[in-house]
Amino acid sequence: MRRHRHSTRREPTIALINIVFLMLVFFMVAGTLSRPLDSDLRLVRTADLEGRAPPDTLVVHADGRMAYRGKDVASVKAFYAARPEEEREIVRVVPDEALPAVTLVNLARELRAAGASSVVIVTQRGLE
């Protein structure tokens, strides 16, 4: 005679894992991940401050006029003549937001042709 084996049916663990995962996601979204700031705390406002370009940058205005250290510069060659030897490899450019992109790209090409190994465009990142 053969004995009949009773096999127990295993519970599917995938369903349990899915439920635990969904609960984890729910509590992460619904819960507070960091403590809120005090309601009477006022943060510093920098939007009204006057911005100035760093002193070692080439400032390019909307009309294409260039300035270096507060003085107008006629061309890229004049800019390189006014700049110390050790600062000629990396050039930082601060363009006006209304400056056409074609003008900025052409200026970067001129700076690379004059000897700049890299041209860095300085921009402003705002919280909006």
N, C-alpha and C. Protein backbone atom coordinates (compact mmCIF):
# COMPACT_ATOMS: atom_id res chain seq x y z
N MET A 1 0.82 -1.18 0.00
CA MET A 1 0.00 0.00 0.00
C MET A 1 0.86 1.25 0.00
N ARG A 2 0.40 2.12 -0.75
CA ARG A 2 1.10 3.40 -0.83
C ARG A 2 0.44 4.42 0.07
N ARG A 3 1.31 5.16 0.68
CA ARG A 3 0.76 6.24 1.51
C ARG A 3 0.60 7.50 0.65
N HIS A 4 -0.48 8.10 0.85
CA HIS A 4 -0.73 9.35 0.12
C HIS A 4 -0.16 10.52 0.92
N ARG A 5 0.66 11.26 0.26
CA ARG A 5 1.27 12.42 0.96
C ARG A 5 0.35 13.62 0.89
N HIS A 6 0.24 14.26 2.00
CA HIS A 6 -0.53 15.50 2.03
C HIS A 6 0.43 16.65 1.79
N SER A 7 0.25 17.31 0.72
CA SER A 7 1.12 18.46 0.45
C SER A 7 0.42 19.73 0.92
N THR A 8 1.16 20.50 1.61
CA THR A 8 0.59 21.76 2.07
C THR A 8 0.85 22.82 1.02
N ARG A 9 -0.12 23.58 0.80
CA ARG A 9 -0.01 24.63 -0.20
C ARG A 9 0.68 25.84 0.42
N ARG A 10 1.77 26.27 -0.20
CA ARG A 10 2.51 27.41 0.33
C ARG A 10 1.81 28.71 -0.01
N GLU A 11 1.88 29.62 0.91
CA GLU A 11 1.30 30.94 0.69
C GLU A 11 2.22 31.71 -0.27
N PRO A 12 1.66 32.44 -1.20
CA PRO A 12 2.51 33.21 -2.11
C PRO A 12 3.14 34.40 -1.38
N THR A 13 4.46 34.43 -1.36
CA THR A 13 5.16 35.50 -0.64
C THR A 13 5.26 36.77 -1.48
N ILE A 14 5.08 36.67 -2.78
CA ILE A 14 5.16 37.86 -3.63
C ILE A 14 4.08 38.86 -3.25
N ALA A 15 2.89 38.38 -2.96
CA ALA A 15 1.80 39.29 -2.58
C ALA A 15 2.14 40.02 -1.28
N LEU A 16 2.73 39.32 -0.34
CA LEU A 16 3.12 39.94 0.92
C LEU A 16 4.22 40.98 0.70
N ILE A 17 5.17 40.67 -0.14
CA ILE A 17 6.24 41.63 -0.45
C ILE A 17 5.67 42.86 -1.12
N ASN A 18 4.73 42.69 -2.04
CA ASN A 18 4.10 43.83 -2.71
C ASN A 18 3.36 44.73 -1.72
N ILE A 19 2.65 44.13 -0.79
CA ILE A 19 1.91 44.92 0.20
C ILE A 19 2.87 45.71 1.09
N VAL A 20 3.94 45.07 1.53
CA VAL A 20 4.92 45.77 2.38
C VAL A 20 5.58 46.90 1.61
N PHE A 21 5.91 46.67 0.36
CA PHE A 21 6.52 47.71 -0.47
C PHE A 21 5.57 48.89 -0.66
N LEU A 22 4.30 48.61 -0.95
CA LEU A 22 3.33 49.69 -1.11
C LEU A 22 3.14 50.49 0.17
N MET A 23 3.15 49.81 1.31
CA MET A 23 3.05 50.52 2.59
C MET A 23 4.28 51.42 2.80
N LEU A 24 5.44 50.92 2.46
CA LEU A 24 6.66 51.72 2.59
C LEU A 24 6.59 52.97 1.73
N VAL A 25 6.17 52.82 0.48
CA VAL A 25 6.04 53.98 -0.41
C VAL A 25 5.00 54.95 0.13
N PHE A 26 3.88 54.45 0.61
CA PHE A 26 2.84 55.33 1.15
C PHE A 26 3.37 56.15 2.32
N PHE A 27 4.04 55.52 3.26
CA PHE A 27 4.53 56.26 4.43
C PHE A 27 5.66 57.22 4.07
N MET A 28 6.42 56.90 3.04
CA MET A 28 7.46 57.84 2.61
C MET A 28 6.83 59.09 2.00
N VAL A 29 5.77 58.90 1.22
CA VAL A 29 5.13 60.05 0.58
C VAL A 29 4.29 60.84 1.58
N ALA A 30 3.55 60.15 2.42
CA ALA A 30 2.63 60.82 3.34
C ALA A 30 3.34 61.38 4.57
N GLY A 31 4.45 60.80 4.95
CA GLY A 31 5.13 61.23 6.17
C GLY A 31 6.03 62.42 5.94
N THR A 32 6.51 62.98 7.01
CA THR A 32 7.45 64.08 6.95
C THR A 32 8.86 63.53 6.99
N LEU A 33 9.63 63.84 5.95
CA LEU A 33 10.99 63.32 5.89
C LEU A 33 11.97 64.19 6.67
N SER A 34 11.67 65.46 6.78
CA SER A 34 12.52 66.34 7.57
C SER A 34 11.63 67.26 8.40
N ARG A 35 12.20 67.78 9.45
CA ARG A 35 11.42 68.66 10.31
C ARG A 35 11.16 69.96 9.60
N PRO A 36 9.96 70.49 9.68
CA PRO A 36 9.68 71.77 9.04
C PRO A 36 10.36 72.91 9.79
N LEU A 37 10.59 74.00 9.08
CA LEU A 37 11.18 75.18 9.71
C LEU A 37 10.19 75.80 10.68
N ASP A 38 10.71 76.51 11.64
CA ASP A 38 9.83 77.22 12.58
C ASP A 38 9.01 78.24 11.80
N SER A 39 7.76 78.41 12.20
CA SER A 39 6.86 79.30 11.48
C SER A 39 7.26 80.76 11.62
N ASP A 40 7.97 81.13 12.70
CA ASP A 40 8.36 82.53 12.88
C ASP A 40 9.74 82.83 12.30
N LEU A 41 10.37 81.87 11.66
CA LEU A 41 11.69 82.06 11.07
C LEU A 41 11.57 82.74 9.72
N ARG A 42 12.35 83.78 9.50
CA ARG A 42 12.36 84.49 8.22
C ARG A 42 13.73 84.27 7.58
N LEU A 43 13.73 83.75 6.36
CA LEU A 43 14.99 83.49 5.65
C LEU A 43 15.53 84.76 5.02
N VAL A 44 16.81 84.78 4.78
CA VAL A 44 17.48 85.93 4.16
C VAL A 44 17.06 86.01 2.70
N ARG A 45 16.73 87.22 2.25
CA ARG A 45 16.35 87.43 0.85
C ARG A 45 17.55 88.02 0.10
N THR A 46 17.93 87.35 -0.96
CA THR A 46 19.05 87.84 -1.76
C THR A 46 18.60 88.35 -3.12
N ALA A 47 17.32 88.30 -3.41
CA ALA A 47 16.83 88.72 -4.72
C ALA A 47 17.04 90.21 -4.96
N ASP A 48 17.04 91.01 -3.90
CA ASP A 48 17.17 92.45 -4.07
C ASP A 48 18.60 92.94 -4.02
N LEU A 49 19.56 92.05 -3.79
CA LEU A 49 20.96 92.47 -3.73
C LEU A 49 21.50 92.76 -5.12
N GLU A 50 22.40 93.68 -5.20
CA GLU A 50 23.02 94.01 -6.47
C GLU A 50 24.12 92.98 -6.76
N GLY A 51 24.01 92.34 -7.91
CA GLY A 51 25.01 91.33 -8.27
C GLY A 51 26.18 91.96 -9.01
N ARG A 52 27.36 91.46 -8.74
CA ARG A 52 28.55 91.93 -9.43
C ARG A 52 29.29 90.74 -9.99
N ALA A 53 29.90 90.92 -11.16
CA ALA A 53 30.67 89.85 -11.76
C ALA A 53 31.98 89.68 -11.00
N PRO A 54 32.49 88.46 -10.91
CA PRO A 54 33.80 88.27 -10.29
C PRO A 54 34.86 89.06 -11.04
N PRO A 55 35.92 89.49 -10.36
CA PRO A 55 36.88 90.40 -11.01
C PRO A 55 37.69 89.77 -12.14
N ASP A 56 37.82 88.45 -12.20
CA ASP A 56 38.64 87.83 -13.23
C ASP A 56 37.82 87.33 -14.42
N THR A 57 36.64 87.91 -14.65
CA THR A 57 35.78 87.46 -15.73
C THR A 57 35.69 88.50 -16.83
N LEU A 58 35.37 88.01 -18.01
CA LEU A 58 35.09 88.88 -19.15
C LEU A 58 33.58 89.06 -19.23
N VAL A 59 33.12 90.28 -19.04
CA VAL A 59 31.68 90.57 -19.05
C VAL A 59 31.30 90.99 -20.46
N VAL A 60 30.28 90.34 -21.01
CA VAL A 60 29.81 90.66 -22.35
C VAL A 60 28.38 91.18 -22.24
N HIS A 61 28.18 92.42 -22.68
CA HIS A 61 26.86 93.06 -22.60
C HIS A 61 25.99 92.64 -23.78
N ALA A 62 24.72 92.98 -23.73
CA ALA A 62 23.76 92.57 -24.76
C ALA A 62 24.11 93.10 -26.14
N ASP A 63 24.75 94.27 -26.19
CA ASP A 63 25.11 94.84 -27.49
C ASP A 63 26.47 94.34 -28.00
N GLY A 64 27.11 93.42 -27.29
CA GLY A 64 28.39 92.87 -27.72
C GLY A 64 29.59 93.56 -27.11
N ARG A 65 29.36 94.63 -26.35
CA ARG A 65 30.45 95.35 -25.70
C ARG A 65 31.04 94.48 -24.60
N MET A 66 32.38 94.47 -24.50
CA MET A 66 33.05 93.63 -23.50
C MET A 66 33.74 94.49 -22.46
N ALA A 67 33.83 93.98 -21.24
CA ALA A 67 34.50 94.69 -20.15
C ALA A 67 35.29 93.68 -19.32
N TYR A 68 36.48 94.10 -18.85
CA TYR A 68 37.32 93.27 -17.99
C TYR A 68 37.79 94.13 -16.83
N ARG A 69 37.46 93.70 -15.62
CA ARG A 69 37.78 94.43 -14.40
C ARG A 69 37.28 95.88 -14.42
N GLY A 70 36.06 96.04 -14.92
CA GLY A 70 35.41 97.34 -14.92
C GLY A 70 35.80 98.27 -16.06
N LYS A 71 36.69 97.86 -16.92
CA LYS A 71 37.13 98.70 -18.05
C LYS A 71 36.72 98.04 -19.35
N ASP A 72 36.28 98.88 -20.30
CA ASP A 72 35.88 98.36 -21.60
C ASP A 72 37.07 97.77 -22.34
N VAL A 73 36.80 96.70 -23.08
CA VAL A 73 37.81 96.00 -23.86
C VAL A 73 37.34 96.00 -25.30
N ALA A 74 38.22 96.39 -26.22
CA ALA A 74 37.83 96.52 -27.62
C ALA A 74 37.74 95.18 -28.34
N SER A 75 38.62 94.25 -28.01
CA SER A 75 38.64 92.97 -28.72
C SER A 75 39.19 91.87 -27.81
N VAL A 76 39.19 90.65 -28.32
CA VAL A 76 39.75 89.52 -27.57
C VAL A 76 41.25 89.71 -27.39
N LYS A 77 41.92 90.25 -28.40
CA LYS A 77 43.37 90.50 -28.29
C LYS A 77 43.67 91.51 -27.19
N ALA A 78 42.86 92.55 -27.09
CA ALA A 78 43.05 93.55 -26.03
C ALA A 78 42.77 92.92 -24.65
N PHE A 79 41.80 92.02 -24.60
CA PHE A 79 41.51 91.32 -23.35
C PHE A 79 42.70 90.48 -22.93
N TYR A 80 43.28 89.75 -23.88
CA TYR A 80 44.44 88.93 -23.55
C TYR A 80 45.65 89.77 -23.18
N ALA A 81 45.79 90.94 -23.75
CA ALA A 81 46.91 91.82 -23.39
C ALA A 81 46.76 92.35 -21.97
N ALA A 82 45.52 92.56 -21.52
CA ALA A 82 45.29 93.09 -20.18
C ALA A 82 45.32 92.00 -19.11
N ARG A 83 45.32 90.75 -19.51
CA ARG A 83 45.23 89.62 -18.57
C ARG A 83 46.62 89.07 -18.27
N PRO A 84 46.91 88.74 -17.01
CA PRO A 84 48.21 88.15 -16.67
C PRO A 84 48.42 86.80 -17.37
N GLU A 85 49.67 86.44 -17.63
CA GLU A 85 50.03 85.19 -18.32
C GLU A 85 49.44 83.96 -17.65
N GLU A 86 49.52 83.88 -16.33
CA GLU A 86 49.08 82.67 -15.62
C GLU A 86 47.57 82.49 -15.62
N GLU A 87 46.81 83.50 -16.02
CA GLU A 87 45.35 83.40 -16.01
C GLU A 87 44.77 83.24 -17.41
N ARG A 88 45.59 82.96 -18.40
CA ARG A 88 45.11 82.92 -19.79
C ARG A 88 44.55 81.58 -20.22
N GLU A 89 44.78 80.51 -19.47
CA GLU A 89 44.30 79.20 -19.90
C GLU A 89 42.80 79.03 -19.73
N ILE A 90 42.28 79.45 -18.58
CA ILE A 90 40.84 79.33 -18.32
C ILE A 90 40.23 80.72 -18.31
N VAL A 91 39.25 80.92 -19.18
CA VAL A 91 38.59 82.22 -19.29
C VAL A 91 37.14 82.06 -18.84
N ARG A 92 36.73 82.91 -17.90
CA ARG A 92 35.34 82.93 -17.44
C ARG A 92 34.62 84.08 -18.10
N VAL A 93 33.48 83.78 -18.70
CA VAL A 93 32.69 84.77 -19.43
C VAL A 93 31.35 84.92 -18.73
N VAL A 94 30.97 86.17 -18.46
CA VAL A 94 29.65 86.48 -17.88
C VAL A 94 28.85 87.19 -18.96
N PRO A 95 27.97 86.45 -19.66
CA PRO A 95 27.19 87.09 -20.72
C PRO A 95 25.89 87.69 -20.19
N ASP A 96 25.44 88.74 -20.84
CA ASP A 96 24.13 89.30 -20.55
C ASP A 96 23.08 88.31 -21.06
N GLU A 97 21.94 88.23 -20.39
CA GLU A 97 20.93 87.28 -20.81
C GLU A 97 20.34 87.61 -22.17
N ALA A 98 20.45 88.85 -22.62
CA ALA A 98 19.92 89.25 -23.92
C ALA A 98 20.95 89.11 -25.04
N LEU A 99 22.16 88.65 -24.71
CA LEU A 99 23.20 88.46 -25.73
C LEU A 99 22.81 87.30 -26.63
N PRO A 100 22.84 87.51 -27.95
CA PRO A 100 22.50 86.41 -28.86
C PRO A 100 23.48 85.24 -28.70
N ALA A 101 22.97 84.04 -28.82
CA ALA A 101 23.80 82.84 -28.65
C ALA A 101 24.88 82.77 -29.71
N VAL A 102 24.60 83.24 -30.91
CA VAL A 102 25.60 83.22 -31.98
C VAL A 102 26.80 84.08 -31.60
N THR A 103 26.56 85.22 -31.01
CA THR A 103 27.64 86.10 -30.57
C THR A 103 28.47 85.43 -29.49
N LEU A 104 27.82 84.76 -28.57
CA LEU A 104 28.53 84.07 -27.49
C LEU A 104 29.38 82.92 -28.03
N VAL A 105 28.83 82.15 -28.96
CA VAL A 105 29.59 81.04 -29.55
C VAL A 105 30.80 81.58 -30.33
N ASN A 106 30.61 82.64 -31.10
CA ASN A 106 31.73 83.23 -31.84
C ASN A 106 32.81 83.77 -30.91
N LEU A 107 32.40 84.36 -29.80
CA LEU A 107 33.35 84.86 -28.82
C LEU A 107 34.15 83.71 -28.21
N ALA A 108 33.47 82.62 -27.90
CA ALA A 108 34.16 81.44 -27.36
C ALA A 108 35.17 80.89 -28.36
N ARG A 109 34.81 80.89 -29.63
CA ARG A 109 35.76 80.44 -30.67
C ARG A 109 36.97 81.35 -30.73
N GLU A 110 36.74 82.65 -30.67
CA GLU A 110 37.87 83.61 -30.70
C GLU A 110 38.78 83.40 -29.48
N LEU A 111 38.19 83.19 -28.31
CA LEU A 111 38.99 82.97 -27.11
C LEU A 111 39.81 81.69 -27.21
N ARG A 112 39.21 80.63 -27.76
CA ARG A 112 39.95 79.37 -27.94
C ARG A 112 41.08 79.55 -28.95
N ALA A 113 40.82 80.31 -30.01
CA ALA A 113 41.86 80.55 -31.02
C ALA A 113 43.00 81.41 -30.46
N ALA A 114 42.67 82.28 -29.50
CA ALA A 114 43.69 83.15 -28.90
C ALA A 114 44.55 82.42 -27.88
N GLY A 115 44.12 81.20 -27.46
CA GLY A 115 44.96 80.43 -26.54
C GLY A 115 44.28 79.93 -25.28
N ALA A 116 43.00 80.15 -25.13
CA ALA A 116 42.30 79.65 -23.94
C ALA A 116 42.08 78.15 -24.09
N SER A 117 42.46 77.40 -23.06
CA SER A 117 42.24 75.94 -23.12
C SER A 117 40.78 75.60 -22.80
N SER A 118 40.13 76.43 -22.00
CA SER A 118 38.70 76.23 -21.74
C SER A 118 38.03 77.58 -21.50
N VAL A 119 36.79 77.65 -21.94
CA VAL A 119 35.97 78.85 -21.76
C VAL A 119 34.79 78.45 -20.89
N VAL A 120 34.65 79.10 -19.72
CA VAL A 120 33.60 78.80 -18.77
C VAL A 120 32.59 79.92 -18.80
N ILE A 121 31.31 79.58 -18.98
CA ILE A 121 30.25 80.58 -19.00
C ILE A 121 29.62 80.61 -17.61
N VAL A 122 29.66 81.77 -16.99
CA VAL A 122 29.12 81.94 -15.64
C VAL A 122 27.65 82.35 -15.76
N THR A 123 26.78 81.60 -15.08
CA THR A 123 25.35 81.89 -15.13
C THR A 123 24.81 82.00 -13.71
N GLN A 124 23.56 82.36 -13.62
CA GLN A 124 22.90 82.49 -12.33
C GLN A 124 21.84 81.41 -12.24
N ARG A 125 21.83 80.70 -11.12
CA ARG A 125 20.80 79.70 -10.89
C ARG A 125 19.84 80.28 -9.86
N GLY A 126 18.58 80.39 -10.24
CA GLY A 126 17.60 80.98 -9.34
C GLY A 126 16.64 79.95 -8.81
N LEU A 127 16.04 80.25 -7.68
CA LEU A 127 15.00 79.42 -7.12
C LEU A 127 13.65 79.99 -7.55
N GLU A 128 12.98 79.28 -8.41
CA GLU A 128 11.71 79.78 -8.92
C GLU A 128 10.65 78.74 -8.79
